[in-house]
Amino acid sequence: MPVFQYVATDPSGETKRGLEHGPDLAVTADALRSRGLVVREIRLAESSGMEAPRPQAPTESAGFESPRPFDSGPPTEERSRMQTDVLGPLVGGVPLKD
């Protein structure tokens, strides 16, 4: 199961940083929210060549530093007519629920 790094704020306003195991990012963020945390940042944890220990409860890591900024988002350059009108319908798209 993947390990995610997160930065969140608890109900008292204190910043919490840690690691959380989860099947995917959305489920893991929902699990953190269900514990009353407001998730400010979450991403797949950097691999160090070893799998992180599987915590029973979230592990706090006071020294958590963001190794790189989040991606700037989806591509913004214009697509060609071939990509949009021919390849797009053949390959499919993202289902509405996603």
N, C-alpha and C. Protein backbone atom coordinates (compact mmCIF):
# COMPACT_ATOMS: atom_id res chain seq x y z
N MET A 1 0.85 -1.16 0.00
CA MET A 1 0.00 0.00 0.00
C MET A 1 0.90 1.23 0.00
N PRO A 2 0.58 2.24 -0.81
CA PRO A 2 1.41 3.44 -0.88
C PRO A 2 1.44 4.21 0.44
N VAL A 3 2.51 4.97 0.61
CA VAL A 3 2.66 5.84 1.78
C VAL A 3 2.57 7.28 1.28
N PHE A 4 1.78 8.10 1.97
CA PHE A 4 1.59 9.50 1.60
C PHE A 4 2.12 10.41 2.69
N GLN A 5 2.78 11.49 2.29
CA GLN A 5 3.20 12.54 3.22
C GLN A 5 2.09 13.56 3.25
N TYR A 6 1.80 14.09 4.44
CA TYR A 6 0.75 15.10 4.51
C TYR A 6 1.14 16.23 5.45
N VAL A 7 0.52 17.37 5.21
CA VAL A 7 0.56 18.51 6.12
C VAL A 7 -0.89 18.89 6.31
N ALA A 8 -1.31 18.95 7.57
CA ALA A 8 -2.72 19.23 7.87
C ALA A 8 -2.80 20.11 9.12
N THR A 9 -3.97 20.67 9.34
CA THR A 9 -4.23 21.47 10.53
C THR A 9 -5.30 20.77 11.34
N ASP A 10 -5.04 20.62 12.65
CA ASP A 10 -6.04 19.98 13.51
C ASP A 10 -7.06 21.02 13.97
N PRO A 11 -8.14 20.59 14.64
CA PRO A 11 -9.18 21.54 15.06
C PRO A 11 -8.68 22.69 15.95
N SER A 12 -7.58 22.46 16.68
CA SER A 12 -7.05 23.53 17.54
C SER A 12 -6.17 24.51 16.76
N GLY A 13 -5.93 24.24 15.47
CA GLY A 13 -5.12 25.12 14.64
C GLY A 13 -3.66 24.72 14.56
N GLU A 14 -3.29 23.63 15.22
CA GLU A 14 -1.90 23.17 15.21
C GLU A 14 -1.60 22.44 13.90
N THR A 15 -0.42 22.70 13.33
CA THR A 15 -0.02 22.04 12.09
C THR A 15 0.51 20.64 12.41
N LYS A 16 0.01 19.66 11.69
CA LYS A 16 0.43 18.27 11.84
C LYS A 16 1.09 17.84 10.54
N ARG A 17 2.21 17.16 10.66
CA ARG A 17 2.91 16.61 9.49
C ARG A 17 3.15 15.14 9.76
N GLY A 18 3.02 14.32 8.73
CA GLY A 18 3.23 12.91 8.98
C GLY A 18 3.11 12.06 7.74
N LEU A 19 3.07 10.75 7.99
CA LEU A 19 2.94 9.74 6.95
C LEU A 19 1.67 8.97 7.19
N GLU A 20 1.03 8.56 6.12
CA GLU A 20 -0.22 7.81 6.22
C GLU A 20 -0.26 6.78 5.10
N HIS A 21 -0.61 5.55 5.43
CA HIS A 21 -0.80 4.50 4.42
C HIS A 21 -2.22 4.59 3.88
N GLY A 22 -2.39 4.35 2.59
CA GLY A 22 -3.71 4.34 2.00
C GLY A 22 -3.67 3.78 0.60
N PRO A 23 -4.81 3.29 0.09
CA PRO A 23 -4.84 2.71 -1.25
C PRO A 23 -4.60 3.73 -2.35
N ASP A 24 -5.07 4.97 -2.14
CA ASP A 24 -4.82 6.04 -3.10
C ASP A 24 -4.94 7.38 -2.39
N LEU A 25 -4.59 8.44 -3.10
CA LEU A 25 -4.53 9.77 -2.51
C LEU A 25 -5.89 10.22 -1.99
N ALA A 26 -6.95 10.04 -2.76
CA ALA A 26 -8.28 10.51 -2.36
C ALA A 26 -8.77 9.82 -1.10
N VAL A 27 -8.61 8.50 -1.03
CA VAL A 27 -9.06 7.75 0.15
C VAL A 27 -8.26 8.16 1.38
N THR A 28 -6.96 8.35 1.20
CA THR A 28 -6.10 8.75 2.31
C THR A 28 -6.47 10.14 2.81
N ALA A 29 -6.71 11.08 1.90
CA ALA A 29 -7.13 12.43 2.30
C ALA A 29 -8.47 12.38 3.03
N ASP A 30 -9.40 11.56 2.56
CA ASP A 30 -10.69 11.42 3.24
C ASP A 30 -10.51 10.86 4.65
N ALA A 31 -9.60 9.89 4.82
CA ALA A 31 -9.33 9.31 6.14
C ALA A 31 -8.79 10.38 7.09
N LEU A 32 -7.91 11.23 6.60
CA LEU A 32 -7.37 12.31 7.43
C LEU A 32 -8.48 13.29 7.80
N ARG A 33 -9.33 13.64 6.84
CA ARG A 33 -10.44 14.56 7.11
C ARG A 33 -11.41 13.97 8.14
N SER A 34 -11.64 12.66 8.06
CA SER A 34 -12.57 12.02 9.00
C SER A 34 -12.04 12.07 10.43
N ARG A 35 -10.74 12.28 10.59
CA ARG A 35 -10.14 12.42 11.93
C ARG A 35 -10.12 13.89 12.36
N GLY A 36 -10.78 14.77 11.59
CA GLY A 36 -10.90 16.16 11.97
C GLY A 36 -9.77 17.05 11.48
N LEU A 37 -8.91 16.54 10.61
CA LEU A 37 -7.80 17.33 10.09
C LEU A 37 -8.21 18.04 8.81
N VAL A 38 -7.71 19.24 8.62
CA VAL A 38 -7.89 19.97 7.36
C VAL A 38 -6.61 19.78 6.57
N VAL A 39 -6.69 19.00 5.50
CA VAL A 39 -5.50 18.65 4.72
C VAL A 39 -5.09 19.85 3.87
N ARG A 40 -3.85 20.30 4.07
CA ARG A 40 -3.33 21.42 3.29
C ARG A 40 -2.43 20.94 2.16
N GLU A 41 -1.76 19.80 2.35
CA GLU A 41 -0.84 19.27 1.34
C GLU A 41 -0.76 17.76 1.54
N ILE A 42 -0.84 17.02 0.44
CA ILE A 42 -0.69 15.56 0.52
C ILE A 42 -0.10 15.08 -0.79
N ARG A 43 0.83 14.15 -0.71
CA ARG A 43 1.45 13.59 -1.91
C ARG A 43 2.07 12.24 -1.57
N LEU A 44 2.39 11.51 -2.61
CA LEU A 44 3.06 10.23 -2.46
C LEU A 44 4.42 10.47 -1.83
N ALA A 45 4.75 9.73 -0.80
CA ALA A 45 6.02 9.91 -0.10
C ALA A 45 7.17 9.49 -1.01
N GLU A 46 8.28 10.18 -0.86
CA GLU A 46 9.49 9.85 -1.62
C GLU A 46 9.99 8.48 -1.16
N SER A 47 10.42 7.66 -2.07
CA SER A 47 10.94 6.34 -1.74
C SER A 47 12.41 6.45 -1.40
N SER A 48 12.79 5.77 -0.34
CA SER A 48 14.20 5.77 0.06
C SER A 48 14.83 4.42 -0.23
N GLY A 49 14.14 3.59 -1.02
CA GLY A 49 14.67 2.27 -1.32
C GLY A 49 14.15 1.22 -0.36
N MET A 50 13.58 1.66 0.76
CA MET A 50 13.00 0.74 1.73
C MET A 50 11.57 1.17 1.96
N GLU A 51 10.70 0.20 2.21
CA GLU A 51 9.32 0.54 2.48
C GLU A 51 9.22 1.10 3.89
N ALA A 52 8.45 2.16 4.05
CA ALA A 52 8.27 2.77 5.36
C ALA A 52 7.51 1.82 6.27
N PRO A 53 7.75 1.86 7.57
CA PRO A 53 7.02 0.99 8.48
C PRO A 53 5.53 1.31 8.42
N ARG A 54 4.72 0.31 8.55
CA ARG A 54 3.28 0.47 8.48
C ARG A 54 2.77 0.91 9.85
N PRO A 55 2.33 2.17 9.99
CA PRO A 55 1.91 2.66 11.30
C PRO A 55 0.51 2.17 11.65
N GLN A 56 0.25 2.00 12.94
CA GLN A 56 -1.09 1.69 13.41
C GLN A 56 -1.91 2.97 13.47
N ALA A 57 -1.25 4.05 13.80
CA ALA A 57 -1.86 5.38 13.83
C ALA A 57 -0.94 6.30 13.05
N PRO A 58 -1.39 7.49 12.64
CA PRO A 58 -0.52 8.38 11.88
C PRO A 58 0.76 8.69 12.66
N THR A 59 1.86 8.73 11.95
CA THR A 59 3.15 9.02 12.54
C THR A 59 3.47 10.48 12.30
N GLU A 60 3.80 11.20 13.34
CA GLU A 60 4.15 12.61 13.20
C GLU A 60 5.64 12.73 12.90
N SER A 61 5.98 13.58 11.99
CA SER A 61 7.37 13.79 11.59
C SER A 61 7.64 15.29 11.61
N ALA A 62 8.23 15.77 12.69
CA ALA A 62 8.43 17.21 12.86
C ALA A 62 9.37 17.79 11.81
N GLY A 63 10.30 17.00 11.27
CA GLY A 63 11.27 17.52 10.32
C GLY A 63 10.86 17.41 8.88
N PHE A 64 9.59 17.18 8.58
CA PHE A 64 9.13 16.99 7.21
C PHE A 64 9.34 18.27 6.41
N GLU A 65 10.12 18.17 5.38
CA GLU A 65 10.36 19.29 4.46
C GLU A 65 9.86 18.87 3.09
N SER A 66 9.27 19.76 2.37
CA SER A 66 8.80 19.48 1.03
C SER A 66 10.00 19.38 0.09
N PRO A 67 10.28 18.18 -0.47
CA PRO A 67 11.45 18.03 -1.32
C PRO A 67 11.34 18.75 -2.65
N ARG A 68 10.14 18.95 -3.13
CA ARG A 68 9.95 19.67 -4.39
C ARG A 68 8.53 20.22 -4.40
N PRO A 69 8.29 21.29 -5.11
CA PRO A 69 6.94 21.85 -5.14
C PRO A 69 6.00 20.95 -5.92
N PHE A 70 4.71 21.12 -5.67
CA PHE A 70 3.71 20.37 -6.41
C PHE A 70 3.82 20.71 -7.90
N ASP A 71 3.36 19.78 -8.72
CA ASP A 71 3.33 20.04 -10.15
C ASP A 71 2.48 21.28 -10.40
N SER A 72 2.78 21.97 -11.48
CA SER A 72 2.05 23.20 -11.79
C SER A 72 0.66 22.93 -12.34
N GLY A 73 0.30 21.69 -12.53
CA GLY A 73 -1.04 21.36 -13.01
C GLY A 73 -0.99 20.73 -14.39
N PRO A 74 -2.15 20.62 -15.02
CA PRO A 74 -2.20 19.98 -16.33
C PRO A 74 -1.55 20.85 -17.39
N PRO A 75 -1.20 20.24 -18.52
CA PRO A 75 -0.59 21.01 -19.59
C PRO A 75 -1.56 22.09 -20.08
N THR A 76 -1.00 23.23 -20.46
CA THR A 76 -1.84 24.33 -20.92
C THR A 76 -1.61 24.67 -22.39
N GLU A 77 -0.66 23.99 -23.03
CA GLU A 77 -0.42 24.28 -24.45
C GLU A 77 -1.57 23.72 -25.29
N GLU A 78 -1.80 24.37 -26.40
CA GLU A 78 -2.88 23.98 -27.29
C GLU A 78 -2.57 22.64 -27.96
N ARG A 79 -3.62 21.80 -28.08
CA ARG A 79 -3.46 20.50 -28.74
C ARG A 79 -3.78 20.64 -30.22
N SER A 80 -3.18 19.76 -31.01
CA SER A 80 -3.46 19.79 -32.45
C SER A 80 -4.86 19.22 -32.71
N ARG A 81 -5.38 19.50 -33.89
CA ARG A 81 -6.69 18.99 -34.29
C ARG A 81 -6.68 17.46 -34.32
N MET A 82 -5.55 16.87 -34.70
CA MET A 82 -5.41 15.41 -34.72
C MET A 82 -5.57 14.84 -33.31
N GLN A 83 -4.92 15.46 -32.35
CA GLN A 83 -5.02 14.98 -30.97
C GLN A 83 -6.44 15.12 -30.44
N THR A 84 -7.09 16.24 -30.72
CA THR A 84 -8.41 16.52 -30.19
C THR A 84 -9.51 15.73 -30.87
N ASP A 85 -9.54 15.75 -32.20
CA ASP A 85 -10.66 15.18 -32.94
C ASP A 85 -10.51 13.72 -33.33
N VAL A 86 -9.27 13.23 -33.47
CA VAL A 86 -9.07 11.85 -33.91
C VAL A 86 -8.63 10.96 -32.75
N LEU A 87 -7.52 11.31 -32.11
CA LEU A 87 -6.99 10.46 -31.05
C LEU A 87 -7.82 10.52 -29.77
N GLY A 88 -8.35 11.68 -29.43
CA GLY A 88 -9.15 11.83 -28.22
C GLY A 88 -10.31 10.85 -28.14
N PRO A 89 -11.19 10.80 -29.14
CA PRO A 89 -12.30 9.86 -29.10
C PRO A 89 -11.87 8.39 -29.15
N LEU A 90 -10.74 8.08 -29.80
CA LEU A 90 -10.27 6.70 -29.87
C LEU A 90 -9.75 6.21 -28.52
N VAL A 91 -8.97 7.05 -27.86
CA VAL A 91 -8.35 6.66 -26.59
C VAL A 91 -9.35 6.75 -25.45
N GLY A 92 -10.29 7.65 -25.54
CA GLY A 92 -11.27 7.83 -24.48
C GLY A 92 -10.88 8.96 -23.58
N GLY A 93 -11.67 9.18 -22.59
CA GLY A 93 -11.42 10.28 -21.67
C GLY A 93 -11.53 9.81 -20.24
N VAL A 94 -11.60 10.75 -19.35
CA VAL A 94 -11.75 10.47 -17.94
C VAL A 94 -13.23 10.29 -17.66
N PRO A 95 -13.61 9.22 -16.98
CA PRO A 95 -15.03 9.04 -16.65
C PRO A 95 -15.54 10.21 -15.80
N LEU A 96 -16.80 10.53 -15.93
CA LEU A 96 -17.39 11.66 -15.23
C LEU A 96 -17.21 11.55 -13.72
N LYS A 97 -17.29 10.34 -13.16
CA LYS A 97 -17.17 10.18 -11.70
C LYS A 97 -15.77 10.54 -11.21
N ASP A 98 -14.75 10.46 -12.09
CA ASP A 98 -13.38 10.80 -11.70
C ASP A 98 -13.12 12.26 -11.88
